[in-house]
Protein backbone atom coordinates (compact mmCIF):
# COMPACT_ATOMS: atom_id res chain seq x y z
CA MET A 1 -59.84 -30.14 -68.01
CA LYS A 2 -57.92 -27.39 -69.55
CA HIS A 3 -58.45 -25.56 -66.19
CA LYS A 4 -57.15 -28.02 -64.03
CA THR A 5 -54.20 -28.57 -65.84
CA ILE A 6 -53.81 -24.87 -65.58
CA ARG A 7 -54.92 -24.35 -61.79
CA HIS A 8 -51.84 -27.83 -61.60
CA ILE A 9 -49.18 -26.03 -63.32
CA GLY A 10 -49.63 -22.75 -61.44
CA THR A 11 -49.79 -25.02 -58.25
CA VAL A 12 -46.07 -26.78 -59.23
CA LEU A 13 -44.95 -23.20 -60.49
CA SER A 14 -45.67 -21.59 -57.18
CA LEU A 15 -44.16 -24.19 -54.63
CA PHE A 16 -40.53 -23.64 -56.96
CA PHE A 17 -41.18 -19.79 -56.80
CA PHE A 18 -42.08 -19.43 -53.45
CA ALA A 19 -39.67 -22.38 -52.25
CA TRP A 20 -37.19 -19.68 -51.38
CA LEU A 21 -39.12 -18.32 -48.96
CA TYR A 22 -38.13 -21.33 -46.71
CA PRO A 23 -34.90 -21.49 -45.47
CA GLN A 24 -32.78 -24.34 -47.48
CA GLY A 25 -31.24 -27.43 -46.39
CA THR A 26 -27.96 -28.41 -47.44
CA ILE A 27 -27.06 -31.86 -50.15
CA VAL A 28 -24.51 -33.37 -49.98
CA PHE A 29 -23.55 -36.09 -52.65
CA ASP A 30 -20.93 -38.63 -52.10
CA ALA A 31 -19.63 -41.80 -53.21
CA PRO A 32 -17.65 -43.52 -50.15
CA PHE A 33 -16.01 -47.24 -51.10
CA SER A 34 -18.27 -50.34 -49.71
CA PRO A 35 -16.50 -53.23 -48.30
CA ALA A 36 -20.18 -55.03 -49.28
CA LEU A 37 -20.34 -54.12 -52.21
CA ASN A 38 -16.73 -53.35 -53.37
CA GLN A 39 -17.01 -50.87 -54.88
CA ASN A 40 -17.84 -47.30 -54.46
CA GLN A 41 -21.48 -46.62 -54.18
CA ASN A 42 -23.35 -43.06 -54.62
CA ILE A 43 -25.19 -41.75 -51.98
CA ALA A 44 -27.11 -38.28 -50.95
CA ILE A 45 -27.28 -36.74 -47.71
CA TYR A 46 -29.56 -33.72 -46.82
CA LEU A 47 -28.62 -31.91 -44.03
CA PRO A 48 -31.30 -29.49 -42.41
CA GLU A 49 -30.66 -25.38 -42.08
CA GLY A 50 -28.57 -24.64 -39.58
CA TYR A 51 -26.32 -27.88 -39.67
CA ASN A 52 -23.58 -25.99 -39.58
CA ASP A 53 -24.20 -23.33 -37.00
CA ASN A 54 -25.10 -25.98 -34.42
CA VAL A 55 -21.75 -27.47 -34.25
CA ASP A 56 -22.64 -29.09 -30.64
CA GLY A 57 -26.18 -30.47 -31.88
CA SER A 58 -26.52 -34.32 -33.34
CA PHE A 59 -29.52 -35.00 -35.32
CA PRO A 60 -32.10 -37.76 -35.88
CA VAL A 61 -31.14 -40.15 -39.19
CA LEU A 62 -34.09 -41.10 -41.37
CA TYR A 63 -32.81 -43.83 -44.32
CA TYR A 64 -34.46 -43.38 -47.32
CA LEU A 65 -34.90 -46.02 -49.56
CA HIS A 66 -35.74 -45.00 -53.18
CA ASP A 67 -37.98 -47.06 -55.63
CA LEU A 68 -36.68 -49.28 -58.92
CA GLY A 69 -35.44 -47.46 -61.22
CA GLU A 70 -34.74 -44.59 -59.30
CA ASN A 71 -31.61 -43.56 -57.90
CA HIS A 72 -29.92 -41.49 -54.95
CA THR A 73 -30.90 -38.10 -56.61
CA ILE A 74 -34.24 -38.74 -55.23
CA ILE A 75 -33.08 -36.75 -52.44
CA ASN A 76 -33.54 -33.29 -54.73
CA SER A 77 -37.12 -33.67 -55.27
CA LEU A 78 -37.25 -34.44 -51.20
CA ALA A 79 -35.64 -31.48 -50.20
CA PRO A 80 -37.67 -28.95 -50.47
CA ILE A 81 -40.77 -31.11 -49.03
CA LEU A 82 -38.07 -31.77 -45.47
CA ASP A 83 -37.62 -27.95 -45.68
CA SER A 84 -41.23 -26.70 -45.35
CA LEU A 85 -41.47 -29.43 -42.93
CA ILE A 86 -38.52 -28.40 -40.70
CA THR A 87 -39.67 -25.08 -40.85
CA ASN A 88 -43.44 -24.99 -40.35
CA LYS A 89 -42.54 -27.35 -37.40
CA GLN A 90 -43.85 -30.45 -38.25
CA ILE A 91 -41.15 -32.66 -38.08
CA SER A 92 -37.81 -31.81 -35.82
CA PRO A 93 -34.95 -31.08 -37.81
CA MET A 94 -33.03 -34.23 -39.47
CA ILE A 95 -30.54 -35.81 -41.13
CA VAL A 96 -31.68 -38.02 -44.33
CA VAL A 97 -30.10 -40.31 -46.53
CA THR A 98 -30.59 -42.20 -49.83
CA PRO A 99 -28.20 -44.80 -50.73
CA ASP A 100 -28.07 -45.76 -53.99
CA GLY A 101 -30.24 -49.32 -54.56
CA SER A 102 -29.27 -48.92 -58.32
CA ALA A 103 -28.12 -52.54 -59.79
CA PRO A 104 -27.14 -53.47 -62.85
CA THR A 105 -29.44 -56.03 -63.63
CA PHE A 106 -32.87 -55.68 -63.68
CA GLY A 107 -32.09 -51.87 -62.54
CA GLY A 108 -33.29 -52.19 -58.88
CA SER A 109 -31.50 -54.26 -55.91
CA PHE A 110 -34.72 -54.70 -53.36
CA TRP A 111 -32.06 -53.86 -50.86
CA ARG A 112 -31.46 -57.34 -50.05
CA ASN A 113 -27.93 -59.43 -50.45
CA SER A 114 -28.31 -61.32 -53.41
CA VAL A 115 -25.70 -63.09 -55.55
CA LEU A 116 -27.31 -61.58 -58.78
CA ASN A 117 -26.90 -57.88 -57.90
CA GLY A 118 -24.88 -57.75 -54.72
CA ASN A 119 -25.12 -57.52 -51.16
CA PHE A 120 -27.18 -54.20 -50.29
CA GLN A 121 -28.53 -55.42 -47.42
CA ASP A 122 -25.14 -54.84 -45.84
CA TYR A 123 -24.53 -52.21 -47.88
CA VAL A 124 -26.93 -50.58 -46.25
CA LEU A 125 -26.81 -51.64 -42.53
CA ASN A 126 -23.43 -51.49 -42.07
CA ASP A 127 -20.93 -49.77 -44.77
CA VAL A 128 -24.05 -46.66 -44.94
CA VAL A 129 -24.79 -46.18 -41.44
CA THR A 130 -21.30 -46.03 -40.31
CA PHE A 131 -20.25 -44.03 -42.98
CA ILE A 132 -23.12 -41.30 -41.51
CA GLU A 133 -22.21 -41.94 -38.44
CA SER A 134 -18.41 -41.58 -38.81
CA ASN A 135 -18.76 -38.25 -40.89
CA PHE A 136 -21.79 -36.28 -39.95
CA ARG A 137 -23.48 -35.22 -36.09
CA ALA A 138 -25.73 -38.10 -36.39
CA ARG A 139 -26.92 -39.85 -33.65
CA THR A 140 -25.98 -42.96 -33.24
CA THR A 141 -28.56 -45.32 -31.14
CA GLY A 142 -31.68 -46.84 -32.48
CA ALA A 143 -33.88 -44.66 -31.18
CA ASP A 144 -32.48 -42.30 -33.55
CA ARG A 145 -32.73 -43.82 -36.61
CA ALA A 146 -35.58 -44.78 -39.14
CA PHE A 147 -36.23 -46.37 -42.47
CA ALA A 148 -38.91 -45.01 -44.94
CA GLY A 149 -39.06 -46.31 -49.06
CA GLN A 150 -41.62 -46.56 -51.56
CA GLY A 151 -42.17 -49.25 -53.82
CA MET A 152 -38.83 -51.30 -53.85
CA GLY A 153 -37.57 -49.20 -51.00
CA GLY A 154 -40.80 -49.43 -49.26
CA TYR A 155 -39.96 -53.40 -49.74
CA GLY A 156 -36.56 -52.63 -48.61
CA ALA A 157 -37.50 -50.34 -45.38
CA VAL A 158 -39.95 -53.10 -43.82
CA ALA A 159 -38.11 -56.28 -44.81
CA LEU A 160 -34.45 -54.36 -43.10
CA GLY A 161 -36.66 -52.16 -40.29
CA VAL A 162 -38.27 -55.51 -39.07
CA GLU A 163 -35.26 -57.73 -38.99
CA ASN A 164 -33.30 -55.29 -37.21
CA VAL A 165 -35.51 -53.68 -34.58
CA SER A 166 -32.56 -52.90 -32.12
CA LEU A 167 -31.09 -51.17 -35.05
CA PHE A 168 -34.45 -48.49 -36.23
CA CYS A 169 -36.98 -47.10 -34.28
CA ALA A 170 -39.66 -46.69 -37.02
CA THR A 171 -39.85 -48.02 -40.36
CA ALA A 172 -42.70 -47.09 -42.96
CA GLY A 173 -42.76 -48.93 -46.67
CA LEU A 174 -45.24 -47.27 -49.29
CA ALA A 175 -46.23 -48.86 -51.73
CA GLY A 176 -43.99 -51.79 -50.84
CA TYR A 177 -44.32 -55.10 -51.82
CA ILE A 178 -44.51 -56.87 -48.48
CA THR A 179 -44.10 -61.10 -48.38
CA SER A 180 -45.06 -62.56 -45.23
CA LYS A 181 -41.80 -64.39 -44.94
CA ILE A 182 -40.23 -60.88 -43.43
CA PHE A 183 -42.67 -61.68 -40.44
CA ASP A 184 -42.19 -65.27 -39.94
CA ASP A 185 -39.50 -65.17 -36.99
CA LEU A 186 -41.39 -62.85 -35.70
CA ILE A 187 -44.67 -64.38 -35.18
CA PRO A 188 -45.27 -67.40 -32.97
């Protein structure tokens, strides 16, 4: 047991030590005003390495919805993974957006509109997408937008993606609670 723990610690430390070998993307933190929530709301944006060098190019966008108890700063954990995957040509360079879905009641919004927590569904679909496409070189077609999320964000990614198929080309829910009500309108 002790050897496994030491080996795992060594692996984690080596990942951080060798992270400088990969070109690094840039993380931008902002808090634009959200009409849907009637307040400024935190957001983090990962821009791939070379974003500023390629002023004529545009990028696909992945909207990553965080889990209950997390917030937009989850991007700090995702960035080294994205850097590695892009450098090793396992994924194309892309913009990754992590909006803050935290809510004062129960800690999470589940990315849905509610009287209790606010209009988080409208926040993501309208405010966040508009902000990204107006301020960054994001591609603006549904073929270049995708949702992903884990836990609460997995539920939100599937629900919002399935309900808005023309706006997003793909959706991935990781360990999210999925209810058949999401699919009721799609199944005859």
